[in-house]
Amino acid sequence: MRKRRSDSKLYSLPDKVQREIYALAESMTLAEACEKLALPVEMGGYEVDVSESTLSNFCKHWRAVEFRESLHEGAAVAQEVDGALSQIQREQIDQATEDGLRNWVLDSIVNKTISAKEVKSIMGVLVAAKKTELDERKIALLEKKAAQADEAGGVLGDAKLTPEEKQKRLEGIFGFGG
């Protein structure tokens, strides 16, 4: 891109007005936009007389600005999502899943296919699913231990068994010894 002149009409305008002009130029042809810009303020114009090539360069500049801003926004959202994952949540998601999810989220943010709210919602669902899986494992383990305790109680309460026989059966129930 060429270096712009210090007395440039378009770039001397306030940032808000420059953004308005960029949006206007993007919504119509360059010729139409140049005509509209030259109109008096009372008629919806900006009283700025520019050539199509000047306006084209101006639009290129603002496209680059918007692109940089979207990258910064994407990085900020990604950092917010990453920060939202507490240490407990990270322990509940295996590393491969976390890495894959983080890559997908970053790609989605950069491509603007997902919002920060949607990212947080997805993370919540994944964490809840992982927590449910862990809870189911805990319940199964507790049920197994309860069954072993019941069986061990029956062995210990059996007066017909010698201490050696009780020891051998308990070892079989709990899977140790031998």
Protein backbone atom coordinates (compact mmCIF):
# COMPACT_ATOMS: atom_id res chain seq x y z
CA MET A 1 0.00 0.00 0.00
CA ARG A 2 1.21 3.48 -0.77
CA LYS A 3 2.12 5.87 2.00
CA ARG A 4 -0.75 8.25 2.55
CA ARG A 5 -0.41 12.00 2.49
CA SER A 6 -0.39 13.91 5.74
CA ASP A 7 -3.13 16.20 4.45
CA SER A 8 -5.40 13.31 3.38
CA LYS A 9 -9.05 14.32 3.56
CA LEU A 10 -10.37 10.90 4.55
CA TYR A 11 -7.75 10.08 7.19
CA SER A 12 -8.07 13.49 8.86
CA LEU A 13 -11.70 12.72 9.77
CA PRO A 14 -12.59 11.30 13.20
CA ASP A 15 -12.29 7.51 13.54
CA LYS A 16 -16.06 7.07 13.85
CA VAL A 17 -16.66 8.98 10.61
CA GLN A 18 -13.94 7.00 8.83
CA ARG A 19 -15.69 3.78 9.85
CA GLU A 20 -19.01 5.15 8.55
CA ILE A 21 -17.41 6.06 5.22
CA TYR A 22 -15.83 2.61 4.98
CA ALA A 23 -19.20 0.93 5.64
CA LEU A 24 -20.81 3.19 3.03
CA ALA A 25 -18.13 2.42 0.44
CA GLU A 26 -18.46 -1.32 1.07
CA SER A 27 -22.23 -1.19 0.55
CA MET A 28 -22.14 0.27 -2.99
CA THR A 29 -19.87 0.73 -5.97
CA LEU A 30 -16.86 3.05 -5.63
CA ALA A 31 -18.38 5.51 -8.13
CA GLU A 32 -21.65 5.67 -6.16
CA ALA A 33 -19.77 6.04 -2.88
CA CYS A 34 -17.63 8.91 -4.25
CA GLU A 35 -20.81 10.70 -5.37
CA LYS A 36 -22.45 10.16 -1.98
CA LEU A 37 -19.35 11.40 -0.10
CA ALA A 38 -19.27 14.62 -2.14
CA LEU A 39 -22.86 15.52 -1.20
CA PRO A 40 -23.48 18.20 1.44
CA VAL A 41 -24.01 16.99 5.01
CA GLU A 42 -27.68 18.08 4.84
CA MET A 43 -28.18 15.60 2.00
CA GLY A 44 -26.55 12.69 3.83
CA GLY A 45 -23.07 13.25 2.45
CA TYR A 46 -19.74 14.17 4.00
CA GLU A 47 -18.65 17.05 1.72
CA VAL A 48 -15.48 15.11 0.84
CA ASP A 49 -14.43 14.99 -2.80
CA VAL A 50 -12.24 11.90 -3.43
CA SER A 51 -11.32 9.77 -6.42
CA GLU A 52 -12.27 6.12 -6.75
CA SER A 53 -8.63 5.04 -6.37
CA THR A 54 -8.26 7.06 -3.15
CA LEU A 55 -11.46 5.54 -1.79
CA SER A 56 -10.31 2.06 -2.85
CA ASN A 57 -7.02 2.50 -0.94
CA PHE A 58 -8.97 3.84 2.03
CA CYS A 59 -11.17 0.71 2.01
CA LYS A 60 -8.11 -1.57 1.80
CA HIS A 61 -6.73 0.16 4.88
CA TRP A 62 -9.97 -0.33 6.83
CA ARG A 63 -10.29 -3.98 5.74
CA ALA A 64 -6.84 -4.55 7.24
CA VAL A 65 -7.89 -2.71 10.42
CA GLU A 66 -11.03 -4.86 10.72
CA PHE A 67 -9.02 -8.03 10.14
CA ARG A 68 -6.54 -7.11 12.89
CA GLU A 69 -9.40 -6.24 15.23
CA SER A 70 -11.11 -9.57 14.56
CA LEU A 71 -7.85 -11.40 15.31
CA HIS A 72 -7.49 -9.50 18.57
CA GLU A 73 -11.13 -10.23 19.46
CA GLY A 74 -10.62 -13.91 18.65
CA ALA A 75 -7.51 -14.05 20.80
CA ALA A 76 -9.32 -12.30 23.65
CA VAL A 77 -12.22 -14.76 23.48
CA ALA A 78 -9.82 -17.70 23.33
CA GLN A 79 -7.96 -16.38 26.36
CA GLU A 80 -11.26 -15.88 28.19
CA VAL A 81 -12.33 -19.46 27.42
CA ASP A 82 -8.95 -20.82 28.44
CA GLY A 83 -9.13 -18.86 31.69
CA ALA A 84 -12.66 -20.11 32.33
CA LEU A 85 -11.42 -23.67 32.51
CA SER A 86 -10.65 -24.08 36.18
CA GLN A 87 -8.06 -26.61 37.31
CA ILE A 88 -10.87 -28.96 38.40
CA GLN A 89 -12.44 -28.82 34.94
CA ARG A 90 -9.08 -29.50 33.31
CA GLU A 91 -8.62 -32.60 35.44
CA GLN A 92 -12.03 -33.86 34.33
CA ILE A 93 -11.19 -33.67 30.60
CA ASP A 94 -8.40 -35.87 29.26
CA GLN A 95 -5.50 -34.08 27.55
CA ALA A 96 -6.29 -35.22 24.00
CA THR A 97 -9.88 -34.00 24.29
CA GLU A 98 -8.77 -30.70 25.78
CA ASP A 99 -6.19 -30.13 23.02
CA GLY A 100 -8.65 -31.03 20.27
CA LEU A 101 -11.34 -28.84 21.77
CA ARG A 102 -8.97 -25.91 22.22
CA ASN A 103 -7.84 -26.16 18.56
CA TRP A 104 -11.41 -26.38 17.33
CA VAL A 105 -12.46 -23.42 19.47
CA LEU A 106 -9.55 -21.28 18.24
CA ASP A 107 -10.30 -22.16 14.61
CA SER A 108 -13.99 -21.40 15.13
CA ILE A 109 -13.25 -18.06 16.76
CA VAL A 110 -10.82 -16.98 14.03
CA ASN A 111 -13.31 -18.05 11.34
CA LYS A 112 -16.10 -16.31 13.28
CA THR A 113 -18.28 -19.42 13.23
CA ILE A 114 -18.85 -19.44 16.99
CA SER A 115 -19.42 -16.83 19.69
CA ALA A 116 -17.91 -16.67 23.16
CA LYS A 117 -21.29 -17.57 24.65
CA GLU A 118 -21.50 -20.69 22.48
CA VAL A 119 -17.94 -21.67 23.42
CA LYS A 120 -18.76 -21.43 27.13
CA SER A 121 -21.93 -23.46 26.58
CA ILE A 122 -20.02 -26.20 24.72
CA MET A 123 -17.38 -26.32 27.45
CA GLY A 124 -20.10 -26.63 30.07
CA VAL A 125 -21.69 -29.55 28.24
CA LEU A 126 -18.35 -31.35 27.84
CA VAL A 127 -17.43 -30.85 31.48
CA ALA A 128 -20.89 -32.03 32.60
CA ALA A 129 -20.63 -35.13 30.40
CA LYS A 130 -17.19 -35.96 31.76
CA LYS A 131 -18.43 -35.42 35.33
CA THR A 132 -21.37 -37.74 34.71
CA GLU A 133 -19.00 -40.43 33.41
CA LEU A 134 -16.78 -40.06 36.48
CA ASP A 135 -19.82 -40.19 38.79
CA GLU A 136 -20.99 -43.41 37.11
CA ARG A 137 -17.55 -44.96 37.66
CA LYS A 138 -17.61 -43.93 41.33
CA ILE A 139 -21.07 -45.46 41.81
CA ALA A 140 -19.98 -48.74 40.19
CA LEU A 141 -16.88 -48.86 42.41
CA LEU A 142 -18.93 -48.14 45.53
CA GLU A 143 -21.42 -50.87 44.60
CA LYS A 144 -18.54 -53.33 44.15
CA LYS A 145 -17.05 -52.38 47.53
CA ALA A 146 -20.47 -52.73 49.20
CA ALA A 147 -20.89 -56.21 47.72
CA GLN A 148 -17.39 -57.17 48.95
CA ALA A 149 -18.20 -55.82 52.41
CA ASP A 150 -21.41 -57.84 52.54
CA GLU A 151 -19.59 -60.98 51.44
CA ALA A 152 -16.78 -60.35 53.92
CA GLY A 153 -19.34 -59.83 56.69
CA GLY A 154 -20.84 -63.23 55.89
CA VAL A 155 -17.40 -64.89 56.01
CA LEU A 156 -16.48 -63.24 59.31
CA GLY A 157 -19.85 -64.13 60.85
CA ASP A 158 -19.57 -67.79 59.86
CA ALA A 159 -18.69 -69.62 63.10
CA LYS A 160 -18.04 -72.89 61.26
CA LEU A 161 -14.91 -71.51 59.54
CA THR A 162 -11.48 -71.57 61.12
CA PRO A 163 -9.44 -68.33 61.21
CA GLU A 164 -7.22 -69.68 58.42
CA GLU A 165 -10.24 -70.45 56.22
CA LYS A 166 -11.70 -67.00 56.92
CA GLN A 167 -8.37 -65.40 55.97
CA LYS A 168 -8.20 -67.39 52.73
CA ARG A 169 -11.78 -66.44 51.75
CA LEU A 170 -11.23 -62.76 52.57
CA GLU A 171 -8.12 -62.76 50.41
CA GLY A 172 -10.24 -64.19 47.57
CA ILE A 173 -12.96 -61.56 48.07
CA PHE A 174 -10.61 -58.58 48.14
CA GLY A 175 -8.07 -59.95 45.67
CA PHE A 176 -4.95 -59.92 47.79
CA GLY A 177 -2.66 -62.48 49.43
CA GLY A 178 -1.66 -65.69 47.95
